[in-house]
């Protein structure tokens, strides 16, 4: 699943991802390219956590990242 966000928002999210997970560099961020499942995989690999823990970390990140919240119709 990919997040449905524009390029400018992805840049902002990328900064937040690198801040949250310091082992994710620009090259890895380019591989992630707004694909949620790839971020989960990267977190699992880099931090040697279970798939469930990686999923929980990304889900928590989503809750606190406004660019990833569903947009509410006005």
N, C-alpha and C. Protein backbone atom coordinates (compact mmCIF):
# COMPACT_ATOMS: atom_id res chain seq x y z
N UNK A 1 0.84 -1.18 0.00
CA UNK A 1 0.00 0.00 0.00
C UNK A 1 0.89 1.25 0.00
N UNK A 2 0.52 2.19 -0.83
CA UNK A 2 1.23 3.47 -0.86
C UNK A 2 0.35 4.51 -0.18
N UNK A 3 1.01 5.46 0.45
CA UNK A 3 0.26 6.59 0.97
C UNK A 3 -0.10 7.50 -0.18
N UNK A 4 -1.28 8.03 -0.18
CA UNK A 4 -1.73 8.92 -1.25
C UNK A 4 -1.38 10.36 -0.88
N UNK A 5 -0.12 10.73 -1.12
CA UNK A 5 0.34 12.07 -0.78
C UNK A 5 1.14 12.65 -1.94
N UNK A 6 1.13 13.97 -2.05
CA UNK A 6 1.86 14.62 -3.14
C UNK A 6 3.35 14.69 -2.82
N UNK A 7 4.13 15.10 -3.81
CA UNK A 7 5.59 15.12 -3.67
C UNK A 7 6.05 16.04 -2.55
N UNK A 8 5.42 17.20 -2.42
CA UNK A 8 5.81 18.14 -1.36
C UNK A 8 5.54 17.54 0.02
N UNK A 9 4.41 16.90 0.16
CA UNK A 9 4.10 16.26 1.44
C UNK A 9 5.04 15.10 1.72
N UNK A 10 5.40 14.34 0.68
CA UNK A 10 6.32 13.22 0.86
C UNK A 10 7.68 13.71 1.34
N UNK A 11 8.11 14.86 0.85
CA UNK A 11 9.38 15.45 1.30
C UNK A 11 9.31 15.73 2.80
N UNK A 12 8.21 16.30 3.24
CA UNK A 12 8.01 16.59 4.67
C UNK A 12 7.96 15.31 5.49
N UNK A 13 7.24 14.32 4.98
CA UNK A 13 7.15 13.03 5.68
C UNK A 13 8.53 12.38 5.73
N UNK A 14 9.30 12.48 4.66
CA UNK A 14 10.64 11.90 4.62
C UNK A 14 11.53 12.47 5.71
N UNK A 15 11.45 13.77 5.93
CA UNK A 15 12.22 14.41 7.00
C UNK A 15 11.81 13.82 8.35
N UNK A 16 10.51 13.64 8.53
CA UNK A 16 10.01 13.08 9.80
C UNK A 16 10.42 11.62 9.97
N UNK A 17 10.42 10.87 8.87
CA UNK A 17 10.86 9.47 8.93
C UNK A 17 12.32 9.40 9.35
N UNK A 18 13.17 10.23 8.73
CA UNK A 18 14.59 10.22 9.08
C UNK A 18 14.81 10.67 10.52
N UNK A 19 13.97 11.57 11.00
CA UNK A 19 14.08 12.01 12.39
C UNK A 19 13.66 10.90 13.35
N UNK A 20 12.61 10.18 13.00
CA UNK A 20 12.08 9.10 13.85
C UNK A 20 12.98 7.88 13.83
N UNK A 21 13.44 7.51 12.64
CA UNK A 21 14.30 6.34 12.46
C UNK A 21 15.62 6.80 11.86
N UNK A 22 16.56 7.14 12.68
CA UNK A 22 17.83 7.72 12.25
C UNK A 22 18.66 6.86 11.32
N UNK A 23 18.41 5.57 11.30
CA UNK A 23 19.18 4.69 10.41
C UNK A 23 18.67 4.74 8.97
N UNK A 24 17.55 5.39 8.75
CA UNK A 24 17.02 5.52 7.39
C UNK A 24 17.65 6.77 6.77
N UNK A 25 18.43 6.55 5.72
CA UNK A 25 19.12 7.65 5.05
C UNK A 25 18.38 8.00 3.76
N UNK A 26 18.92 8.96 3.01
CA UNK A 26 18.26 9.41 1.78
C UNK A 26 18.13 8.29 0.76
N UNK A 27 19.12 7.42 0.66
CA UNK A 27 19.05 6.32 -0.30
C UNK A 27 17.90 5.37 0.06
N UNK A 28 17.78 5.05 1.32
CA UNK A 28 16.69 4.16 1.75
C UNK A 28 15.34 4.85 1.60
N UNK A 29 15.31 6.15 1.85
CA UNK A 29 14.08 6.92 1.70
C UNK A 29 13.61 6.89 0.24
N UNK A 30 14.57 6.95 -0.69
CA UNK A 30 14.23 6.87 -2.11
C UNK A 30 13.63 5.51 -2.45
N UNK A 31 14.12 4.46 -1.81
CA UNK A 31 13.57 3.11 -2.03
C UNK A 31 12.16 3.02 -1.45
N UNK A 32 11.94 3.62 -0.31
CA UNK A 32 10.63 3.60 0.33
C UNK A 32 9.60 4.29 -0.56
N UNK A 33 9.94 5.48 -1.08
CA UNK A 33 9.13 6.20 -2.06
C UNK A 33 7.63 6.17 -1.76
N UNK A 34 7.27 6.51 -0.56
CA UNK A 34 5.88 6.61 -0.07
C UNK A 34 5.14 5.27 0.00
N UNK A 35 5.88 4.17 -0.03
CA UNK A 35 5.25 2.85 0.10
C UNK A 35 5.34 2.40 1.56
N UNK A 36 4.21 2.29 2.18
CA UNK A 36 4.13 1.97 3.60
C UNK A 36 4.79 0.64 3.93
N UNK A 37 4.49 -0.39 3.12
CA UNK A 37 5.01 -1.72 3.41
C UNK A 37 6.54 -1.76 3.31
N UNK A 38 7.11 -0.92 2.46
CA UNK A 38 8.57 -0.86 2.35
C UNK A 38 9.16 -0.20 3.60
N UNK A 39 8.48 0.83 4.11
CA UNK A 39 8.94 1.44 5.36
C UNK A 39 8.92 0.42 6.49
N UNK A 40 7.84 -0.34 6.60
CA UNK A 40 7.75 -1.38 7.64
C UNK A 40 8.92 -2.35 7.50
N UNK A 41 9.19 -2.78 6.28
CA UNK A 41 10.29 -3.71 6.02
C UNK A 41 11.64 -3.11 6.41
N UNK A 42 11.84 -1.84 6.08
CA UNK A 42 13.10 -1.17 6.41
C UNK A 42 13.27 -1.06 7.93
N UNK A 43 12.22 -0.70 8.63
CA UNK A 43 12.28 -0.59 10.10
C UNK A 43 12.62 -1.95 10.69
N UNK A 44 11.97 -3.00 10.19
CA UNK A 44 12.22 -4.34 10.70
C UNK A 44 13.68 -4.74 10.47
N UNK A 45 14.18 -4.49 9.28
CA UNK A 45 15.55 -4.88 8.94
C UNK A 45 16.60 -4.07 9.72
N UNK A 46 16.45 -2.76 9.71
CA UNK A 46 17.47 -1.89 10.31
C UNK A 46 17.51 -1.98 11.83
N UNK A 47 16.36 -2.17 12.44
CA UNK A 47 16.29 -2.17 13.90
C UNK A 47 16.13 -3.56 14.49
N UNK A 48 16.13 -4.57 13.61
CA UNK A 48 16.07 -5.98 14.03
C UNK A 48 14.92 -6.22 15.01
N UNK A 49 13.73 -5.81 14.57
CA UNK A 49 12.52 -6.03 15.36
C UNK A 49 11.62 -7.00 14.60
N UNK A 50 10.63 -7.51 15.29
CA UNK A 50 9.68 -8.43 14.65
C UNK A 50 8.81 -7.65 13.66
N UNK A 51 8.20 -8.37 12.73
CA UNK A 51 7.28 -7.70 11.80
C UNK A 51 6.16 -6.95 12.53
N UNK A 52 5.68 -7.54 13.61
CA UNK A 52 4.61 -6.92 14.38
C UNK A 52 5.08 -5.62 15.03
N UNK A 53 6.29 -5.62 15.57
CA UNK A 53 6.83 -4.41 16.21
C UNK A 53 7.06 -3.32 15.16
N UNK A 54 7.58 -3.69 14.01
CA UNK A 54 7.79 -2.71 12.94
C UNK A 54 6.45 -2.11 12.52
N UNK A 55 5.45 -2.95 12.37
CA UNK A 55 4.10 -2.49 12.01
C UNK A 55 3.56 -1.54 13.08
N UNK A 56 3.73 -1.88 14.34
CA UNK A 56 3.27 -1.02 15.44
C UNK A 56 3.97 0.33 15.42
N UNK A 57 5.27 0.32 15.16
CA UNK A 57 6.01 1.58 15.12
C UNK A 57 5.51 2.47 13.98
N UNK A 58 5.29 1.88 12.81
CA UNK A 58 4.82 2.67 11.67
C UNK A 58 3.39 3.15 11.91
N UNK A 59 2.55 2.31 12.50
CA UNK A 59 1.18 2.73 12.81
C UNK A 59 1.18 3.91 13.78
N UNK A 60 2.04 3.87 14.78
CA UNK A 60 2.16 4.99 15.71
C UNK A 60 2.64 6.25 15.03
N UNK A 61 3.58 6.08 14.11
CA UNK A 61 4.09 7.21 13.33
C UNK A 61 2.96 7.84 12.51
N UNK A 62 2.14 7.00 11.90
CA UNK A 62 1.02 7.49 11.09
C UNK A 62 0.06 8.34 11.92
N UNK A 63 -0.23 7.89 13.13
CA UNK A 63 -1.16 8.62 14.00
C UNK A 63 -0.69 10.03 14.29
N UNK A 64 0.61 10.23 14.34
CA UNK A 64 1.16 11.52 14.73
C UNK A 64 1.71 12.33 13.56
N UNK A 65 1.45 11.88 12.35
CA UNK A 65 1.96 12.58 11.17
C UNK A 65 0.78 13.09 10.37
N UNK A 66 0.55 14.39 10.43
CA UNK A 66 -0.65 14.97 9.84
C UNK A 66 -0.76 14.72 8.33
N UNK A 67 0.37 14.64 7.62
CA UNK A 67 0.32 14.42 6.18
C UNK A 67 -0.22 13.03 5.82
N UNK A 68 -0.18 12.12 6.77
CA UNK A 68 -0.63 10.74 6.51
C UNK A 68 -2.05 10.47 7.00
N UNK A 69 -2.66 11.43 7.64
CA UNK A 69 -4.04 11.25 8.10
C UNK A 69 -4.99 11.43 6.94
N UNK A 70 -6.10 10.68 6.94
CA UNK A 70 -7.08 10.87 5.86
C UNK A 70 -7.59 12.29 5.83
N UNK A 71 -7.78 12.79 4.63
CA UNK A 71 -8.30 14.15 4.49
C UNK A 71 -9.80 14.15 4.67
N UNK A 72 -10.28 15.11 5.44
CA UNK A 72 -11.71 15.22 5.73
C UNK A 72 -12.33 16.18 4.72
N UNK A 73 -13.40 15.74 4.07
CA UNK A 73 -14.08 16.60 3.10
C UNK A 73 -14.77 17.74 3.83
N UNK A 74 -14.69 18.91 3.24
CA UNK A 74 -15.28 20.10 3.87
C UNK A 74 -16.77 20.18 3.61
